[in-house]
Amino acid sequence: MGSSGEELRPKFEGWAQVHGTYRLLAHPVPNRLGALLAGHKERTLERMAAESLVLLPQEHHSLNYGGLKQTQGLGKINHEGSLGLHLHSTLAVLNARGFP
């Protein structure tokens, strides 16, 4: 991305949004994803606490990135030595309405 914002400009309504996105990307935060999702997590926990029953179906996947030779930080995902990461996801399903 260049410093002019031309690459991001078509994706936003105005320069303030482009500028804000560049500021976010220019200041690495150790757990940026956690910070971005904090409000969502808090609201989800509040909604779950108000329900008598919450279903939490889970799913597990092994993502094989062994073909990406220049990628760093991958771990072994099976006994054959394939490199990648494990993804474990959970979806909160609240009562018959089905809203997470």
C-alpha atoms as a PDB file:
ATOM      1  CA  MET A   1       0.000   0.000   0.000  1.00  0.00           C
ATOM      2  CA  GLY A   2       1.287   3.408  -0.849  1.00  0.00           C
ATOM      3  CA  SER A   3       1.227   6.404   1.440  1.00  0.00           C
ATOM      4  CA  SER A   4      -1.383   8.227  -0.666  1.00  0.00           C
ATOM      5  CA  GLY A   5      -4.235   5.910   0.251  1.00  0.00           C
ATOM      6  CA  GLU A   6      -5.160   5.280  -3.362  1.00  0.00           C
ATOM      7  CA  GLU A   7      -5.336   1.512  -2.824  1.00  0.00           C
ATOM      8  CA  LEU A   8      -7.776   1.801   0.090  1.00  0.00           C
ATOM      9  CA  ARG A   9      -9.724   4.837  -1.130  1.00  0.00           C
ATOM     10  CA  PRO A  10     -12.317   2.940  -3.220  1.00  0.00           C
ATOM     11  CA  LYS A  11     -13.165   0.733  -0.232  1.00  0.00           C
ATOM     12  CA  PHE A  12     -14.197   3.583   2.084  1.00  0.00           C
ATOM     13  CA  GLU A  13     -16.646   6.453   2.038  1.00  0.00           C
ATOM     14  CA  GLY A  14     -14.122   9.162   2.836  1.00  0.00           C
ATOM     15  CA  TRP A  15     -10.511  10.061   3.552  1.00  0.00           C
ATOM     16  CA  ALA A  16     -11.089   9.989   7.316  1.00  0.00           C
ATOM     17  CA  GLN A  17     -11.820   6.251   7.118  1.00  0.00           C
ATOM     18  CA  VAL A  18      -8.775   5.683   4.897  1.00  0.00           C
ATOM     19  CA  HIS A  19      -6.580   7.672   7.272  1.00  0.00           C
ATOM     20  CA  GLY A  20      -7.934   5.773  10.285  1.00  0.00           C
ATOM     21  CA  THR A  21      -7.223   2.445   8.604  1.00  0.00           C
ATOM     22  CA  TYR A  22      -3.647   3.465   7.852  1.00  0.00           C
ATOM     23  CA  ARG A  23      -3.182   4.606  11.468  1.00  0.00           C
ATOM     24  CA  LEU A  24      -4.447   1.230  12.699  1.00  0.00           C
ATOM     25  CA  LEU A  25      -2.141  -0.682  10.355  1.00  0.00           C
ATOM     26  CA  ALA A  26       0.881   1.515  11.142  1.00  0.00           C
ATOM     27  CA  HIS A  27       0.780   0.883  14.898  1.00  0.00           C
ATOM     28  CA  PRO A  28       1.215  -2.813  15.600  1.00  0.00           C
ATOM     29  CA  VAL A  29      -0.503  -3.993  18.739  1.00  0.00           C
ATOM     30  CA  PRO A  30       0.505  -7.344  20.278  1.00  0.00           C
ATOM     31  CA  ASN A  31      -3.063  -8.651  20.208  1.00  0.00           C
ATOM     32  CA  ARG A  32      -4.791  -6.459  17.622  1.00  0.00           C
ATOM     33  CA  LEU A  33      -7.403  -9.092  16.793  1.00  0.00           C
ATOM     34  CA  GLY A  34      -8.271  -9.515  20.464  1.00  0.00           C
ATOM     35  CA  ALA A  35      -8.642  -5.763  20.840  1.00  0.00           C
ATOM     36  CA  LEU A  36     -10.878  -5.533  17.773  1.00  0.00           C
ATOM     37  CA  LEU A  37     -13.108  -8.371  18.967  1.00  0.00           C
ATOM     38  CA  ALA A  38     -13.285  -7.318  22.640  1.00  0.00           C
ATOM     39  CA  GLY A  39     -16.619  -5.473  22.285  1.00  0.00           C
ATOM     40  CA  HIS A  40     -18.163  -8.338  20.332  1.00  0.00           C
ATOM     41  CA  LYS A  41     -16.972 -10.856  22.927  1.00  0.00           C
ATOM     42  CA  GLU A  42     -18.351  -8.774  25.804  1.00  0.00           C
ATOM     43  CA  ARG A  43     -21.761  -8.363  24.134  1.00  0.00           C
ATOM     44  CA  THR A  44     -21.934 -12.082  23.244  1.00  0.00           C
ATOM     45  CA  LEU A  45     -21.218 -13.042  26.868  1.00  0.00           C
ATOM     46  CA  GLU A  46     -23.934 -10.632  28.063  1.00  0.00           C
ATOM     47  CA  ARG A  47     -26.459 -12.133  25.645  1.00  0.00           C
ATOM     48  CA  MET A  48     -25.494 -15.679  26.665  1.00  0.00           C
ATOM     49  CA  ALA A  49     -25.886 -14.856  30.375  1.00  0.00           C
ATOM     50  CA  ALA A  50     -29.467 -13.718  29.761  1.00  0.00           C
ATOM     51  CA  GLU A  51     -30.472 -17.086  28.264  1.00  0.00           C
ATOM     52  CA  SER A  52     -31.481 -20.289  30.017  1.00  0.00           C
ATOM     53  CA  LEU A  53     -29.854 -22.472  27.358  1.00  0.00           C
ATOM     54  CA  VAL A  54     -26.959 -21.769  25.005  1.00  0.00           C
ATOM     55  CA  LEU A  55     -25.684 -24.356  22.534  1.00  0.00           C
ATOM     56  CA  LEU A  56     -21.957 -24.210  21.720  1.00  0.00           C
ATOM     57  CA  PRO A  57     -21.245 -26.442  18.702  1.00  0.00           C
ATOM     58  CA  GLN A  58     -17.523 -26.771  18.008  1.00  0.00           C
ATOM     59  CA  GLU A  59     -15.446 -27.669  14.987  1.00  0.00           C
ATOM     60  CA  HIS A  60     -11.766 -28.463  14.505  1.00  0.00           C
ATOM     61  CA  HIS A  61      -9.677 -28.176  11.330  1.00  0.00           C
ATOM     62  CA  SER A  62      -6.008 -28.610  10.542  1.00  0.00           C
ATOM     63  CA  LEU A  63      -4.924 -26.032   7.968  1.00  0.00           C
ATOM     64  CA  ASN A  64      -1.986 -27.319   5.934  1.00  0.00           C
ATOM     65  CA  TYR A  65       0.296 -24.527   4.719  1.00  0.00           C
ATOM     66  CA  GLY A  66       3.277 -26.769   3.964  1.00  0.00           C
ATOM     67  CA  GLY A  67       3.381 -25.548   0.371  1.00  0.00           C
ATOM     68  CA  LEU A  68       4.148 -21.994   1.500  1.00  0.00           C
ATOM     69  CA  LYS A  69       7.906 -22.392   1.789  1.00  0.00           C
ATOM     70  CA  GLN A  70       8.646 -18.824   2.969  1.00  0.00           C
ATOM     71  CA  THR A  71       5.987 -18.765   5.700  1.00  0.00           C
ATOM     72  CA  GLN A  72       7.418 -18.660   9.222  1.00  0.00           C
ATOM     73  CA  GLY A  73       5.945 -19.721  12.542  1.00  0.00           C
ATOM     74  CA  LEU A  74       4.024 -22.788  11.374  1.00  0.00           C
ATOM     75  CA  GLY A  75       3.976 -25.914  13.503  1.00  0.00           C
ATOM     76  CA  LYS A  76       3.558 -29.595  12.776  1.00  0.00           C
ATOM     77  CA  ILE A  77      -0.107 -30.464  12.394  1.00  0.00           C
ATOM     78  CA  ASN A  78       0.184 -34.259  12.108  1.00  0.00           C
ATOM     79  CA  HIS A  79       2.589 -37.127  12.547  1.00  0.00           C
ATOM     80  CA  GLU A  80       3.668 -36.909   8.876  1.00  0.00           C
ATOM     81  CA  GLY A  81       5.275 -33.543   9.594  1.00  0.00           C
ATOM     82  CA  SER A  82       2.908 -31.355   7.563  1.00  0.00           C
ATOM     83  CA  LEU A  83       3.196 -27.690   8.547  1.00  0.00           C
ATOM     84  CA  GLY A  84       0.259 -25.425   9.328  1.00  0.00           C
ATOM     85  CA  LEU A  85      -2.001 -24.572  12.218  1.00  0.00           C
ATOM     86  CA  HIS A  86      -4.984 -25.954  14.071  1.00  0.00           C
ATOM     87  CA  LEU A  87      -8.250 -24.018  13.954  1.00  0.00           C
ATOM     88  CA  HIS A  88     -10.826 -24.645  16.671  1.00  0.00           C
ATOM     89  CA  SER A  89     -14.046 -22.660  16.309  1.00  0.00           C
ATOM     90  CA  THR A  90     -17.133 -22.383  18.492  1.00  0.00           C
ATOM     91  CA  LEU A  91     -20.485 -20.796  17.636  1.00  0.00           C
ATOM     92  CA  ALA A  92     -22.874 -19.648  20.353  1.00  0.00           C
ATOM     93  CA  VAL A  93     -26.493 -20.463  19.417  1.00  0.00           C
ATOM     94  CA  LEU A  94     -29.136 -18.959  21.668  1.00  0.00           C
ATOM     95  CA  ASN A  95     -32.471 -20.790  22.053  1.00  0.00           C
ATOM     96  CA  ALA A  96     -34.962 -21.280  19.240  1.00  0.00           C
ATOM     97  CA  ARG A  97     -34.384 -17.806  17.784  1.00  0.00           C
ATOM     98  CA  GLY A  98     -30.901 -18.928  16.742  1.00  0.00           C
ATOM     99  CA  PHE A  99     -29.172 -15.588  17.289  1.00  0.00           C
ATOM    100  CA  PRO A 100     -25.536 -15.729  18.438  1.00  0.00           C
END
